[in-house]
N, C-alpha and C. Protein backbone atom coordinates (compact mmCIF):
# COMPACT_ATOMS: atom_id res chain seq x y z
N MET A 1 142.13 55.80 -211.02
CA MET A 1 142.58 56.59 -211.75
C MET A 1 141.64 55.80 -213.36
N ASN A 2 141.30 56.61 -214.04
CA ASN A 2 140.72 56.67 -215.00
C ASN A 2 141.81 56.16 -216.27
N LEU A 3 141.09 55.58 -217.33
CA LEU A 3 141.84 54.83 -218.44
C LEU A 3 143.02 55.80 -218.73
N GLU A 4 142.44 57.55 -219.15
CA GLU A 4 143.44 58.14 -219.65
C GLU A 4 144.62 58.89 -218.93
N LYS A 5 144.23 58.44 -217.78
CA LYS A 5 145.56 58.76 -216.72
C LYS A 5 146.60 57.55 -216.60
N GLN A 6 145.89 56.46 -216.87
CA GLN A 6 146.81 55.06 -216.68
C GLN A 6 147.69 54.86 -218.31
N GLU A 7 147.03 55.43 -219.50
CA GLU A 7 147.54 55.14 -220.37
C GLU A 7 148.57 56.17 -220.66
N LYS A 8 148.17 57.87 -220.20
CA LYS A 8 149.33 58.50 -220.30
C LYS A 8 150.14 58.13 -219.15
N LEU A 9 150.45 57.41 -218.07
CA LEU A 9 151.51 56.89 -217.38
C LEU A 9 151.95 55.59 -217.75
N VAL A 10 151.32 54.42 -218.53
CA VAL A 10 152.04 53.82 -219.11
C VAL A 10 153.23 54.40 -220.22
N SER A 11 152.76 55.28 -221.16
CA SER A 11 153.34 55.59 -222.02
C SER A 11 154.48 56.56 -221.44
N GLU A 12 154.62 57.61 -220.26
CA GLU A 12 155.78 57.85 -220.07
C GLU A 12 156.86 56.54 -219.25
N LEU A 13 156.04 55.50 -218.47
CA LEU A 13 156.84 54.85 -218.03
C LEU A 13 157.93 53.78 -219.28
N ASP A 14 156.90 53.95 -220.07
CA ASP A 14 157.65 52.87 -221.49
C ASP A 14 158.78 54.12 -222.13
N ALA A 15 159.00 55.36 -222.04
CA ALA A 15 159.75 56.34 -222.19
C ALA A 15 160.59 56.28 -221.40
N VAL A 16 160.70 56.12 -220.10
CA VAL A 16 161.74 56.15 -219.05
C VAL A 16 162.37 54.60 -219.11
N ILE A 17 161.79 53.70 -219.34
CA ILE A 17 162.53 52.19 -219.83
C ILE A 17 163.06 52.28 -221.07
N GLU A 18 162.86 52.83 -221.93
CA GLU A 18 163.65 52.95 -223.33
C GLU A 18 164.79 53.31 -223.03
N SER A 19 164.92 54.95 -222.33
CA SER A 19 165.87 55.48 -222.12
C SER A 19 166.57 54.44 -221.33
N LEU A 20 166.39 54.28 -220.09
CA LEU A 20 167.62 53.19 -219.51
C LEU A 20 168.02 52.48 -220.27
N GLU A 21 167.33 51.46 -220.75
CA GLU A 21 167.86 50.15 -222.14
C GLU A 21 169.03 51.21 -223.01
N LYS A 22 168.95 52.22 -223.31
CA LYS A 22 169.48 53.20 -224.27
C LYS A 22 171.09 52.90 -223.02
N GLU A 23 171.14 53.82 -221.94
CA GLU A 23 171.76 53.98 -221.09
C GLU A 23 172.67 52.64 -220.75
N ILE A 24 171.74 51.71 -220.43
CA ILE A 24 172.40 50.49 -220.04
C ILE A 24 173.67 49.76 -221.05
N ILE A 25 172.89 50.17 -222.16
CA ILE A 25 173.77 49.64 -223.53
C ILE A 25 174.69 50.67 -223.75
N GLU A 26 175.25 51.74 -223.33
CA GLU A 26 176.45 52.79 -223.55
C GLU A 26 177.04 52.55 -222.66
N VAL A 27 176.39 52.23 -220.93
CA VAL A 27 177.54 51.54 -219.85
C VAL A 27 178.00 50.15 -220.60
N CYS A 28 177.60 49.73 -221.39
CA CYS A 28 178.48 48.46 -221.66
C CYS A 28 179.55 48.52 -222.14
N LYS A 29 178.85 49.09 -223.85
CA LYS A 29 180.06 49.67 -224.27
C LYS A 29 181.02 50.37 -223.63
N LEU A 30 181.01 51.11 -223.08
CA LEU A 30 182.23 51.76 -221.87
C LEU A 30 182.66 50.33 -221.02
N ASN A 31 182.11 49.63 -221.09
CA ASN A 31 182.61 48.82 -220.15
C ASN A 31 183.53 47.94 -220.69
N ASN A 32 182.74 47.49 -221.70
CA ASN A 32 183.84 46.61 -222.99
C ASN A 32 185.09 47.69 -223.22
N ASN A 33 184.71 49.00 -223.46
CA ASN A 33 185.98 49.68 -223.99
C ASN A 33 187.16 49.78 -222.98
N ILE A 34 186.96 49.61 -221.87
CA ILE A 34 187.75 49.92 -220.43
C ILE A 34 188.30 48.53 -220.26
N LYS A 35 187.87 47.66 -220.52
CA LYS A 35 188.27 46.18 -220.32
C LYS A 35 189.60 45.51 -221.37
N VAL A 36 189.27 46.43 -222.75
CA VAL A 36 190.12 45.99 -223.81
C VAL A 36 191.02 47.25 -223.62
N GLN A 37 190.82 48.44 -222.73
CA GLN A 37 192.18 48.99 -222.52
C GLN A 37 193.01 48.50 -221.27
N LEU A 38 192.33 47.75 -220.31
CA LEU A 38 192.98 47.16 -219.55
C LEU A 38 194.11 45.91 -219.70
N ASP A 39 193.16 45.27 -221.07
CA ASP A 39 194.12 44.07 -221.58
C ASP A 39 195.30 44.62 -222.42
N ASP A 40 195.13 46.31 -222.72
CA ASP A 40 196.67 46.35 -223.69
C ASP A 40 197.58 46.86 -222.79
N MET A 41 197.22 47.49 -221.39
CA MET A 41 197.79 48.05 -220.42
C MET A 41 198.76 46.99 -219.78
N GLU A 42 198.47 45.54 -219.61
CA GLU A 42 198.81 44.64 -219.03
C GLU A 42 199.26 43.94 -220.00
N LYS A 43 199.38 43.90 -221.38
CA LYS A 43 199.97 43.50 -222.32
C LYS A 43 201.74 44.51 -222.34
N ASP A 44 201.39 45.82 -222.37
CA ASP A 44 202.24 46.32 -222.33
C ASP A 44 203.21 46.22 -220.86
N GLU A 45 202.60 46.23 -220.00
CA GLU A 45 203.62 46.16 -218.83
C GLU A 45 204.22 44.80 -218.97
N LEU A 46 203.85 43.45 -219.47
CA LEU A 46 204.75 42.16 -219.75
C LEU A 46 205.66 42.93 -220.25
N LEU A 47 205.44 43.45 -221.56
CA LEU A 47 206.36 43.80 -222.16
C LEU A 47 207.35 44.72 -221.73
N THR A 48 207.18 45.50 -221.27
CA THR A 48 208.35 46.33 -220.54
C THR A 48 209.25 45.50 -219.63
N LEU A 49 208.25 44.91 -218.81
CA LEU A 49 208.98 43.97 -218.12
C LEU A 49 209.76 43.30 -218.64
N ALA A 50 209.85 42.10 -219.77
CA ALA A 50 210.03 41.15 -220.60
C ALA A 50 211.58 42.37 -221.20
N TRP A 51 211.27 43.40 -221.54
CA TRP A 51 212.39 43.91 -222.10
C TRP A 51 213.44 44.53 -220.73
N ILE A 52 213.30 45.04 -219.57
CA ILE A 52 214.05 45.13 -218.57
C ILE A 52 214.41 44.03 -218.17
N SER A 53 214.01 42.98 -217.94
CA SER A 53 214.81 41.32 -217.38
C SER A 53 215.78 40.84 -218.64
N ALA A 54 215.49 41.43 -219.46
CA ALA A 54 216.11 41.06 -220.90
C ALA A 54 217.85 41.77 -220.82
N TYR A 55 218.03 42.83 -220.28
CA TYR A 55 219.06 43.66 -220.06
C TYR A 55 219.61 43.64 -218.45
N PRO A 56 221.24 43.25 -218.81
CA PRO A 56 222.06 43.15 -217.15
C PRO A 56 221.80 44.51 -216.62
N LYS A 57 221.86 44.44 -215.20
CA LYS A 57 221.63 45.81 -214.55
C LYS A 57 223.21 46.59 -214.46
N ASP A 58 224.13 45.95 -214.68
CA ASP A 58 225.25 46.64 -214.54
C ASP A 58 225.75 47.34 -215.78
N LEU A 59 224.84 47.57 -217.06
CA LEU A 59 225.31 48.18 -218.16
C LEU A 59 225.52 49.63 -217.36
């Protein structure tokens, strides 16, 4: 393989790596957003359970 072909291949691979890095960053952001949403849902669930348990069932 001559030098020009190797340089072209390296350039193409660099572009692929850069694209993958961007995608990984986006996936990490989405993962963090999902964690925040799950935490919020858990807090809402606990609050709902607290409200339910605070009132007698015979009302």
